[in-house]
Amino acid sequence: MEELLKIENVCKSFPLNDGKVLPVLTNVNLTIGNIPEKPQIVSILGPSGGGKTTLLRILAGLDKPDSGKVILKDGTMREVRLGDVGVVFQRYPLFDDRTVLQNLVEPAKNGGLSGEQARQKALKYLEDFDLSKQASSFPLQLSGGQRQRVAIAQQLIQERRYIILDEPFSGLDPNNINKVIKLLQDVAGQHTDNTFIIVTHDITSALIISDTICLLGKPNTADEKSGAFIVKHYDLIEEGLAYHPEVEDLPRFQAIRKEIKYVHFPSLVIAKN
């Protein structure tokens, strides 16, 4: 397996007012490798306050770990830099004073395209994302799902192949969750080098969409001297659960879902809400 992204022994703590430190991550290790002729969709599951956001920021180069490193493939394997990894945050922070089209043209121009090249590329993305009718709209005029699509397109138009999605299913009803799952699967499939990392607490949605599930937590939650780390992996391709149109009906899917819920993370969301 060719390695695409590696997290090596990442540790992160934060100082407290009493002079002590709060360990958030302890020796987090994770390797994401390529699947021949397939994109990668990896979900990191964990409870609220369990270190997911801290790990997200380190993966994106927004924060530095206290020790350890994140390495990704960019021609050769090198340490991650700010801007290497795109992030679609939960609130989809678009430019509210610019139209949907302008929200895509500007990052395309920042990537080195001329004004007309950027416009043509943006129009193609709007067509691919079923947003052509919203080209002249402003973000505040869009639905939540439309804003999410613009935010994802905004990262892809900058030729970012590594994209983190922060809680993409949060607050959505089951119908809209299904739409987001299909969108992400379609977008990931546009290029075999695309690597999506989904940070979520939604067990069911993560199992439906992912190739790999990683559980971020502590085996002993009473251990306050240790931060969270990857406590278990599920290779859903090996389990026969990836790329299956009726995956929720399979007994193994239901067994893994129950195992995550009742053995590892009883506080997590088990069903689409």
C-alpha atoms as a PDB file:
ATOM      1  CA  MET A   1       0.000   0.000   0.000  1.00  0.00           C
ATOM      2  CA  GLU A   2       1.344   3.417  -1.000  1.00  0.00           C
ATOM      3  CA  GLU A   3       1.185   5.890   1.869  1.00  0.00           C
ATOM      4  CA  LEU A   4      -0.652   9.162   1.231  1.00  0.00           C
ATOM      5  CA  LEU A   5      -0.818  10.697   4.686  1.00  0.00           C
ATOM      6  CA  LYS A   6       0.741   9.715   8.015  1.00  0.00           C
ATOM      7  CA  ILE A   7       0.205  10.949  11.551  1.00  0.00           C
ATOM      8  CA  GLU A   8       3.221   9.985  13.633  1.00  0.00           C
ATOM      9  CA  ASN A   9       3.150  10.082  17.445  1.00  0.00           C
ATOM     10  CA  VAL A  10       1.250  13.375  17.612  1.00  0.00           C
ATOM     11  CA  CYS A  11       0.840  14.806  21.122  1.00  0.00           C
ATOM     12  CA  LYS A  12      -0.915  18.017  22.130  1.00  0.00           C
ATOM     13  CA  SER A  13      -1.665  19.564  25.525  1.00  0.00           C
ATOM     14  CA  PHE A  14      -3.132  22.883  26.619  1.00  0.00           C
ATOM     15  CA  PRO A  15      -2.169  24.904  29.713  1.00  0.00           C
ATOM     16  CA  LEU A  16      -4.724  25.372  32.492  1.00  0.00           C
ATOM     17  CA  ASN A  17      -5.152  28.357  34.785  1.00  0.00           C
ATOM     18  CA  ASP A  18      -3.766  26.459  37.785  1.00  0.00           C
ATOM     19  CA  GLY A  19      -0.437  25.889  36.049  1.00  0.00           C
ATOM     20  CA  LYS A  20      -1.203  22.310  35.094  1.00  0.00           C
ATOM     21  CA  VAL A  21      -1.663  21.066  31.548  1.00  0.00           C
ATOM     22  CA  LEU A  22      -4.578  19.272  29.935  1.00  0.00           C
ATOM     23  CA  PRO A  23      -3.439  16.445  27.632  1.00  0.00           C
ATOM     24  CA  VAL A  24      -5.746  16.333  24.606  1.00  0.00           C
ATOM     25  CA  LEU A  25      -3.874  14.015  22.228  1.00  0.00           C
ATOM     26  CA  THR A  26      -1.305  11.381  23.178  1.00  0.00           C
ATOM     27  CA  ASN A  27       0.716   9.475  20.596  1.00  0.00           C
ATOM     28  CA  VAL A  28      -1.869   9.604  17.804  1.00  0.00           C
ATOM     29  CA  ASN A  29      -0.763   7.374  14.927  1.00  0.00           C
ATOM     30  CA  LEU A  30      -2.629   6.892  11.666  1.00  0.00           C
ATOM     31  CA  THR A  31      -1.632   5.939   8.121  1.00  0.00           C
ATOM     32  CA  ILE A  32      -3.879   6.577   5.119  1.00  0.00           C
ATOM     33  CA  GLY A  33      -2.817   4.650   2.033  1.00  0.00           C
ATOM     34  CA  ASN A  34      -4.123   4.615  -1.493  1.00  0.00           C
ATOM     35  CA  ILE A  35      -6.708   2.213  -2.862  1.00  0.00           C
ATOM     36  CA  PRO A  36      -6.031   1.403  -6.542  1.00  0.00           C
ATOM     37  CA  GLU A  37      -8.412   3.391  -8.753  1.00  0.00           C
ATOM     38  CA  LYS A  38     -10.481   4.497  -5.751  1.00  0.00           C
ATOM     39  CA  PRO A  39     -10.660   7.743  -3.760  1.00  0.00           C
ATOM     40  CA  GLN A  40     -10.191   7.599  -0.014  1.00  0.00           C
ATOM     41  CA  ILE A  41     -12.861   8.461   2.538  1.00  0.00           C
ATOM     42  CA  VAL A  42     -11.675   8.092   6.119  1.00  0.00           C
ATOM     43  CA  SER A  43     -13.824   8.953   9.124  1.00  0.00           C
ATOM     44  CA  ILE A  44     -12.463   9.858  12.541  1.00  0.00           C
ATOM     45  CA  LEU A  45     -15.122   9.138  15.149  1.00  0.00           C
ATOM     46  CA  GLY A  46     -15.058  10.394  18.697  1.00  0.00           C
ATOM     47  CA  PRO A  47     -17.150  11.999  21.434  1.00  0.00           C
ATOM     48  CA  SER A  48     -17.514  15.747  21.869  1.00  0.00           C
ATOM     49  CA  GLY A  49     -14.512  17.164  23.683  1.00  0.00           C
ATOM     50  CA  GLY A  50     -12.501  14.099  22.757  1.00  0.00           C
ATOM     51  CA  GLY A  51      -9.778  15.807  20.717  1.00  0.00           C
ATOM     52  CA  LYS A  52     -11.293  15.646  17.220  1.00  0.00           C
ATOM     53  CA  THR A  53     -11.108  19.388  16.573  1.00  0.00           C
ATOM     54  CA  THR A  54      -7.542  19.583  17.897  1.00  0.00           C
ATOM     55  CA  LEU A  55      -6.499  16.758  15.571  1.00  0.00           C
ATOM     56  CA  LEU A  56      -8.334  18.420  12.668  1.00  0.00           C
ATOM     57  CA  ARG A  57      -6.397  21.647  13.160  1.00  0.00           C
ATOM     58  CA  ILE A  58      -3.081  19.798  13.342  1.00  0.00           C
ATOM     59  CA  LEU A  59      -3.878  17.805  10.191  1.00  0.00           C
ATOM     60  CA  ALA A  60      -4.661  21.053   8.363  1.00  0.00           C
ATOM     61  CA  GLY A  61      -1.452  22.727   9.512  1.00  0.00           C
ATOM     62  CA  LEU A  62      -3.436  25.321  11.479  1.00  0.00           C
ATOM     63  CA  ASP A  63      -1.829  24.269  14.783  1.00  0.00           C
ATOM     64  CA  LYS A  64       1.465  22.610  15.618  1.00  0.00           C
ATOM     65  CA  PRO A  65       1.639  19.493  17.783  1.00  0.00           C
ATOM     66  CA  ASP A  66       3.782  19.532  20.910  1.00  0.00           C
ATOM     67  CA  SER A  67       5.586  16.538  19.435  1.00  0.00           C
ATOM     68  CA  GLY A  68       5.178  14.217  16.485  1.00  0.00           C
ATOM     69  CA  LYS A  69       4.316  15.225  12.944  1.00  0.00           C
ATOM     70  CA  VAL A  70       1.900  14.902  10.027  1.00  0.00           C
ATOM     71  CA  ILE A  71       3.402  13.833   6.699  1.00  0.00           C
ATOM     72  CA  LEU A  72       1.655  13.781   3.333  1.00  0.00           C
ATOM     73  CA  LYS A  73       2.500  12.823  -0.191  1.00  0.00           C
ATOM     74  CA  ASP A  74       3.109  15.772  -2.486  1.00  0.00           C
ATOM     75  CA  GLY A  75       5.468  14.373  -5.089  1.00  0.00           C
ATOM     76  CA  THR A  76       7.503  13.069  -2.167  1.00  0.00           C
ATOM     77  CA  MET A  77       6.504  12.521   1.453  1.00  0.00           C
ATOM     78  CA  ARG A  78       6.957  15.743   3.454  1.00  0.00           C
ATOM     79  CA  GLU A  79       5.630  17.410   6.570  1.00  0.00           C
ATOM     80  CA  VAL A  80       2.263  19.136   6.178  1.00  0.00           C
ATOM     81  CA  ARG A  81       2.202  22.906   5.659  1.00  0.00           C
ATOM     82  CA  LEU A  82      -0.604  25.419   6.048  1.00  0.00           C
ATOM     83  CA  GLY A  83      -2.681  25.348   2.849  1.00  0.00           C
ATOM     84  CA  ASP A  84      -1.854  21.754   1.898  1.00  0.00           C
ATOM     85  CA  VAL A  85      -5.098  20.412   3.346  1.00  0.00           C
ATOM     86  CA  GLY A  86      -8.473  22.016   2.727  1.00  0.00           C
ATOM     87  CA  VAL A  87     -10.987  22.271   5.565  1.00  0.00           C
ATOM     88  CA  VAL A  88     -14.757  22.549   5.257  1.00  0.00           C
ATOM     89  CA  PHE A  89     -15.738  23.783   8.689  1.00  0.00           C
ATOM     90  CA  GLN A  90     -19.157  23.061  10.147  1.00  0.00           C
ATOM     91  CA  ARG A  91     -20.512  26.574   9.537  1.00  0.00           C
ATOM     92  CA  TYR A  92     -19.203  26.773   5.940  1.00  0.00           C
ATOM     93  CA  PRO A  93     -17.505  30.197   6.246  1.00  0.00           C
ATOM     94  CA  LEU A  94     -18.068  31.660   2.783  1.00  0.00           C
ATOM     95  CA  PHE A  95     -17.665  35.290   1.731  1.00  0.00           C
ATOM     96  CA  ASP A  96     -21.165  36.619   2.392  1.00  0.00           C
ATOM     97  CA  ASP A  97     -20.582  39.806   0.369  1.00  0.00           C
ATOM     98  CA  ARG A  98     -19.714  37.833  -2.784  1.00  0.00           C
ATOM     99  CA  THR A  99     -21.930  35.769  -5.045  1.00  0.00           C
ATOM    100  CA  VAL A 100     -21.588  32.005  -5.241  1.00  0.00           C
ATOM    101  CA  LEU A 101     -19.687  32.375  -8.504  1.00  0.00           C
ATOM    102  CA  GLN A 102     -17.318  34.926  -6.963  1.00  0.00           C
ATOM    103  CA  ASN A 103     -16.750  32.605  -4.009  1.00  0.00           C
ATOM    104  CA  LEU A 104     -15.248  30.134  -6.462  1.00  0.00           C
ATOM    105  CA  VAL A 105     -13.547  32.509  -8.883  1.00  0.00           C
ATOM    106  CA  GLU A 106     -11.371  34.173  -6.233  1.00  0.00           C
ATOM    107  CA  PRO A 107      -9.737  30.993  -4.880  1.00  0.00           C
ATOM    108  CA  ALA A 108      -9.241  29.762  -8.466  1.00  0.00           C
ATOM    109  CA  LYS A 109      -7.439  33.032  -9.296  1.00  0.00           C
ATOM    110  CA  ASN A 110      -5.360  32.675  -6.124  1.00  0.00           C
ATOM    111  CA  GLY A 111      -4.270  29.319  -7.528  1.00  0.00           C
ATOM    112  CA  GLY A 112      -2.694  31.073 -10.512  1.00  0.00           C
ATOM    113  CA  LEU A 113      -5.450  31.141 -13.133  1.00  0.00           C
ATOM    114  CA  SER A 114      -6.334  34.199 -15.166  1.00  0.00           C
ATOM    115  CA  GLY A 115      -9.688  35.870 -14.544  1.00  0.00           C
ATOM    116  CA  GLU A 116     -11.394  34.161 -17.493  1.00  0.00           C
ATOM    117  CA  GLN A 117      -9.803  30.785 -16.776  1.00  0.00           C
ATOM    118  CA  ALA A 118     -10.964  31.030 -13.170  1.00  0.00           C
ATOM    119  CA  ARG A 119     -14.474  31.968 -14.242  1.00  0.00           C
ATOM    120  CA  GLN A 120     -14.761  29.051 -16.665  1.00  0.00           C
ATOM    121  CA  LYS A 121     -13.444  26.632 -14.068  1.00  0.00           C
ATOM    122  CA  ALA A 122     -15.875  28.006 -11.466  1.00  0.00           C
ATOM    123  CA  LEU A 123     -18.810  27.643 -13.859  1.00  0.00           C
ATOM    124  CA  LYS A 124     -17.831  24.005 -14.479  1.00  0.00           C
ATOM    125  CA  TYR A 125     -17.778  23.320 -10.729  1.00  0.00           C
ATOM    126  CA  LEU A 126     -21.166  24.972 -10.308  1.00  0.00           C
ATOM    127  CA  GLU A 127     -22.546  22.701 -13.010  1.00  0.00           C
ATOM    128  CA  ASP A 128     -20.973  19.601 -11.446  1.00  0.00           C
ATOM    129  CA  PHE A 129     -22.379  20.531  -8.024  1.00  0.00           C
ATOM    130  CA  ASP A 130     -25.852  21.357  -9.363  1.00  0.00           C
ATOM    131  CA  LEU A 131     -25.443  25.014  -8.381  1.00  0.00           C
ATOM    132  CA  SER A 132     -25.600  26.771 -11.761  1.00  0.00           C
ATOM    133  CA  LYS A 133     -28.934  28.424 -10.911  1.00  0.00           C
ATOM    134  CA  GLN A 134     -27.402  29.843  -7.726  1.00  0.00           C
ATOM    135  CA  ALA A 135     -24.360  31.423  -9.444  1.00  0.00           C
ATOM    136  CA  SER A 136     -25.614  34.988  -8.867  1.00  0.00           C
ATOM    137  CA  SER A 137     -27.014  34.300  -5.383  1.00  0.00           C
ATOM    138  CA  PHE A 138     -25.285  35.310  -2.168  1.00  0.00           C
ATOM    139  CA  PRO A 139     -24.451  32.707   0.510  1.00  0.00           C
ATOM    140  CA  LEU A 140     -27.168  33.963   2.864  1.00  0.00           C
ATOM    141  CA  GLN A 141     -29.737  33.161   0.175  1.00  0.00           C
ATOM    142  CA  LEU A 142     -28.691  29.497   0.037  1.00  0.00           C
ATOM    143  CA  SER A 143     -29.905  26.492   1.977  1.00  0.00           C
ATOM    144  CA  GLY A 144     -27.504  24.778   4.362  1.00  0.00           C
ATOM    145  CA  GLY A 145     -26.910  21.980   1.878  1.00  0.00           C
ATOM    146  CA  GLN A 146     -26.144  24.448  -0.917  1.00  0.00           C
ATOM    147  CA  ARG A 147     -23.696  26.350   1.291  1.00  0.00           C
ATOM    148  CA  GLN A 148     -21.963  23.069   2.088  1.00  0.00           C
ATOM    149  CA  ARG A 149     -21.619  22.246  -1.614  1.00  0.00           C
ATOM    150  CA  VAL A 150     -20.107  25.667  -2.321  1.00  0.00           C
ATOM    151  CA  ALA A 151     -17.663  25.225   0.562  1.00  0.00           C
ATOM    152  CA  ILE A 152     -16.519  21.832  -0.755  1.00  0.00           C
ATOM    153  CA  ALA A 153     -16.199  23.180  -4.312  1.00  0.00           C
ATOM    154  CA  GLN A 154     -14.196  26.102  -2.938  1.00  0.00           C
ATOM    155  CA  GLN A 155     -11.565  23.669  -1.636  1.00  0.00           C
ATOM    156  CA  LEU A 156     -11.522  21.449  -4.714  1.00  0.00           C
ATOM    157  CA  ILE A 157     -11.155  24.354  -7.132  1.00  0.00           C
ATOM    158  CA  GLN A 158      -7.811  25.093  -5.466  1.00  0.00           C
ATOM    159  CA  GLU A 159      -6.653  21.602  -6.521  1.00  0.00           C
ATOM    160  CA  ARG A 160      -6.567  20.398  -2.935  1.00  0.00           C
ATOM    161  CA  ARG A 161      -6.642  16.604  -2.885  1.00  0.00           C
ATOM    162  CA  TYR A 162      -6.730  16.348   0.906  1.00  0.00           C
ATOM    163  CA  ILE A 163      -9.928  17.748   2.388  1.00  0.00           C
ATOM    164  CA  ILE A 164     -11.197  17.562   5.975  1.00  0.00           C
ATOM    165  CA  LEU A 165     -14.926  17.891   6.629  1.00  0.00           C
ATOM    166  CA  ASP A 166     -15.882  18.964  10.135  1.00  0.00           C
ATOM    167  CA  GLU A 167     -19.164  17.342  11.269  1.00  0.00           C
ATOM    168  CA  PRO A 168     -20.767  17.396   7.773  1.00  0.00           C
ATOM    169  CA  PHE A 169     -23.901  15.586   9.024  1.00  0.00           C
ATOM    170  CA  SER A 170     -24.539  17.667  12.130  1.00  0.00           C
ATOM    171  CA  GLY A 171     -28.038  19.088  12.520  1.00  0.00           C
ATOM    172  CA  LEU A 172     -29.367  17.529   9.307  1.00  0.00           C
ATOM    173  CA  ASP A 173     -32.503  15.420   8.984  1.00  0.00           C
ATOM    174  CA  PRO A 174     -32.164  11.876   7.529  1.00  0.00           C
ATOM    175  CA  ASN A 175     -33.120  12.973   4.006  1.00  0.00           C
ATOM    176  CA  ASN A 176     -30.449  15.681   3.913  1.00  0.00           C
ATOM    177  CA  ILE A 177     -27.872  13.369   5.473  1.00  0.00           C
ATOM    178  CA  ASN A 178     -28.471  10.966   2.582  1.00  0.00           C
ATOM    179  CA  LYS A 179     -27.960  13.846   0.138  1.00  0.00           C
ATOM    180  CA  VAL A 180     -24.662  14.811   1.799  1.00  0.00           C
ATOM    181  CA  ILE A 181     -23.462  11.193   1.742  1.00  0.00           C
ATOM    182  CA  LYS A 182     -24.225  10.896  -1.984  1.00  0.00           C
ATOM    183  CA  LEU A 183     -22.592  14.267  -2.692  1.00  0.00           C
ATOM    184  CA  LEU A 184     -19.380  13.334  -0.890  1.00  0.00           C
ATOM    185  CA  GLN A 185     -19.229   9.937  -2.568  1.00  0.00           C
ATOM    186  CA  ASP A 186     -19.738  11.546  -5.986  1.00  0.00           C
ATOM    187  CA  VAL A 187     -17.163  14.287  -5.361  1.00  0.00           C
ATOM    188  CA  ALA A 188     -14.595  11.886  -3.952  1.00  0.00           C
ATOM    189  CA  GLY A 189     -15.057   9.715  -7.029  1.00  0.00           C
ATOM    190  CA  GLN A 190     -14.222  12.559  -9.416  1.00  0.00           C
ATOM    191  CA  HIS A 191     -10.508  11.936  -8.936  1.00  0.00           C
ATOM    192  CA  THR A 192      -8.745   8.849  -7.595  1.00  0.00           C
ATOM    193  CA  ASP A 193      -6.216  11.027  -5.731  1.00  0.00           C
ATOM    194  CA  ASN A 194      -8.934  12.676  -3.637  1.00  0.00           C
ATOM    195  CA  THR A 195      -8.636  11.938   0.074  1.00  0.00           C
ATOM    196  CA  PHE A 196     -11.506  13.011   2.313  1.00  0.00           C
ATOM    197  CA  ILE A 197     -11.173  12.913   6.096  1.00  0.00           C
ATOM    198  CA  ILE A 198     -14.508  13.221   7.879  1.00  0.00           C
ATOM    199  CA  VAL A 199     -14.505  14.248  11.534  1.00  0.00           C
ATOM    200  CA  THR A 200     -17.807  13.275  13.087  1.00  0.00           C
ATOM    201  CA  HIS A 201     -19.723  11.723  15.979  1.00  0.00           C
ATOM    202  CA  ASP A 202     -22.394  10.191  13.704  1.00  0.00           C
ATOM    203  CA  ILE A 203     -21.685   6.454  13.689  1.00  0.00           C
ATOM    204  CA  THR A 204     -24.208   5.394  11.049  1.00  0.00           C
ATOM    205  CA  SER A 205     -23.307   8.040   8.468  1.00  0.00           C
ATOM    206  CA  ALA A 206     -19.595   7.418   8.952  1.00  0.00           C
ATOM    207  CA  LEU A 207     -20.060   3.682   8.398  1.00  0.00           C
ATOM    208  CA  ILE A 208     -22.111   4.250   5.238  1.00  0.00           C
ATOM    209  CA  ILE A 209     -19.675   6.616   3.564  1.00  0.00           C
ATOM    210  CA  SER A 210     -16.227   5.480   4.676  1.00  0.00           C
ATOM    211  CA  ASP A 211     -13.529   3.101   3.525  1.00  0.00           C
ATOM    212  CA  THR A 212     -11.897   3.275   6.948  1.00  0.00           C
ATOM    213  CA  ILE A 213     -13.195   4.181  10.418  1.00  0.00           C
ATOM    214  CA  CYS A 214     -10.793   5.358  13.122  1.00  0.00           C
ATOM    215  CA  LEU A 215     -11.951   5.696  16.726  1.00  0.00           C
ATOM    216  CA  LEU A 216     -10.337   8.555  18.638  1.00  0.00           C
ATOM    217  CA  GLY A 217     -10.682   8.141  22.369  1.00  0.00           C
ATOM    218  CA  LYS A 218      -9.327   6.606  25.557  1.00  0.00           C
ATOM    219  CA  PRO A 219      -9.730   2.999  26.658  1.00  0.00           C
ATOM    220  CA  ASN A 220      -9.856   4.294  30.230  1.00  0.00           C
ATOM    221  CA  THR A 221     -11.735   7.591  30.350  1.00  0.00           C
ATOM    222  CA  ALA A 222     -10.716   8.006  34.002  1.00  0.00           C
ATOM    223  CA  ASP A 223      -7.068   8.395  32.996  1.00  0.00           C
ATOM    224  CA  GLU A 224      -6.666  12.169  33.120  1.00  0.00           C
ATOM    225  CA  LYS A 225      -2.909  11.968  32.474  1.00  0.00           C
ATOM    226  CA  SER A 226      -3.405  10.759  28.925  1.00  0.00           C
ATOM    227  CA  GLY A 227      -5.000  12.438  25.952  1.00  0.00           C
ATOM    228  CA  ALA A 228      -7.009  10.689  23.265  1.00  0.00           C
ATOM    229  CA  PHE A 229      -5.455   8.423  20.656  1.00  0.00           C
ATOM    230  CA  ILE A 230      -6.629   6.060  17.930  1.00  0.00           C
ATOM    231  CA  VAL A 231      -8.054   3.148  19.916  1.00  0.00           C
ATOM    232  CA  LYS A 232      -9.303   1.053  16.979  1.00  0.00           C
ATOM    233  CA  HIS A 233      -9.505   0.884  13.178  1.00  0.00           C
ATOM    234  CA  TYR A 234     -12.166  -0.695  11.000  1.00  0.00           C
ATOM    235  CA  ASP A 235     -11.142  -1.512   7.427  1.00  0.00           C
ATOM    236  CA  LEU A 236     -14.567  -1.435   5.797  1.00  0.00           C
ATOM    237  CA  ILE A 237     -13.251  -2.638   2.437  1.00  0.00           C
ATOM    238  CA  GLU A 238     -11.868  -5.759   4.084  1.00  0.00           C
ATOM    239  CA  GLU A 239     -15.166  -6.116   5.963  1.00  0.00           C
ATOM    240  CA  GLY A 240     -17.075  -6.014   2.655  1.00  0.00           C
ATOM    241  CA  LEU A 241     -18.970  -2.876   3.677  1.00  0.00           C
ATOM    242  CA  ALA A 242     -17.479  -0.187   1.424  1.00  0.00           C
ATOM    243  CA  TYR A 243     -19.157   0.771  -1.881  1.00  0.00           C
ATOM    244  CA  HIS A 244     -22.218  -1.350  -1.044  1.00  0.00           C
ATOM    245  CA  PRO A 245     -25.534   0.294  -2.000  1.00  0.00           C
ATOM    246  CA  GLU A 246     -27.534  -1.465   0.737  1.00  0.00           C
ATOM    247  CA  VAL A 247     -24.824  -1.542   3.363  1.00  0.00           C
ATOM    248  CA  GLU A 248     -27.147  -0.712   6.287  1.00  0.00           C
ATOM    249  CA  ASP A 249     -29.015  -3.988   5.781  1.00  0.00           C
ATOM    250  CA  LEU A 250     -25.913  -6.167   6.190  1.00  0.00           C
ATOM    251  CA  PRO A 251     -25.520  -7.998   9.527  1.00  0.00           C
ATOM    252  CA  ARG A 252     -21.832  -7.053   9.765  1.00  0.00           C
ATOM    253  CA  PHE A 253     -22.715  -3.364   9.405  1.00  0.00           C
ATOM    254  CA  GLN A 254     -25.172  -3.623  12.277  1.00  0.00           C
ATOM    255  CA  ALA A 255     -22.659  -5.548  14.397  1.00  0.00           C
ATOM    256  CA  ILE A 256     -19.911  -2.950  13.957  1.00  0.00           C
ATOM    257  CA  ARG A 257     -22.330  -0.121  14.642  1.00  0.00           C
ATOM    258  CA  LYS A 258     -23.381  -1.744  17.917  1.00  0.00           C
ATOM    259  CA  GLU A 259     -19.778  -2.462  18.857  1.00  0.00           C
ATOM    260  CA  ILE A 260     -18.766   1.172  18.378  1.00  0.00           C
ATOM    261  CA  LYS A 261     -21.837   2.407  20.220  1.00  0.00           C
ATOM    262  CA  TYR A 262     -21.946   0.081  23.199  1.00  0.00           C
ATOM    263  CA  VAL A 263     -18.317  -0.993  23.647  1.00  0.00           C
ATOM    264  CA  HIS A 264     -16.292   2.045  22.643  1.00  0.00           C
ATOM    265  CA  PHE A 265     -18.405   5.214  22.618  1.00  0.00           C
ATOM    266  CA  PRO A 266     -21.794   4.907  24.323  1.00  0.00           C
ATOM    267  CA  SER A 267     -22.238   8.692  24.118  1.00  0.00           C
ATOM    268  CA  LEU A 268     -22.039   8.855  20.329  1.00  0.00           C
ATOM    269  CA  VAL A 269     -24.936   9.186  17.872  1.00  0.00           C
ATOM    270  CA  ILE A 270     -25.864   5.739  16.562  1.00  0.00           C
ATOM    271  CA  ALA A 271     -28.609   6.686  14.124  1.00  0.00           C
ATOM    272  CA  LYS A 272     -28.998   9.512  11.630  1.00  0.00           C
ATOM    273  CA  ASN A 273     -30.730  12.350  13.412  1.00  0.00           C
END
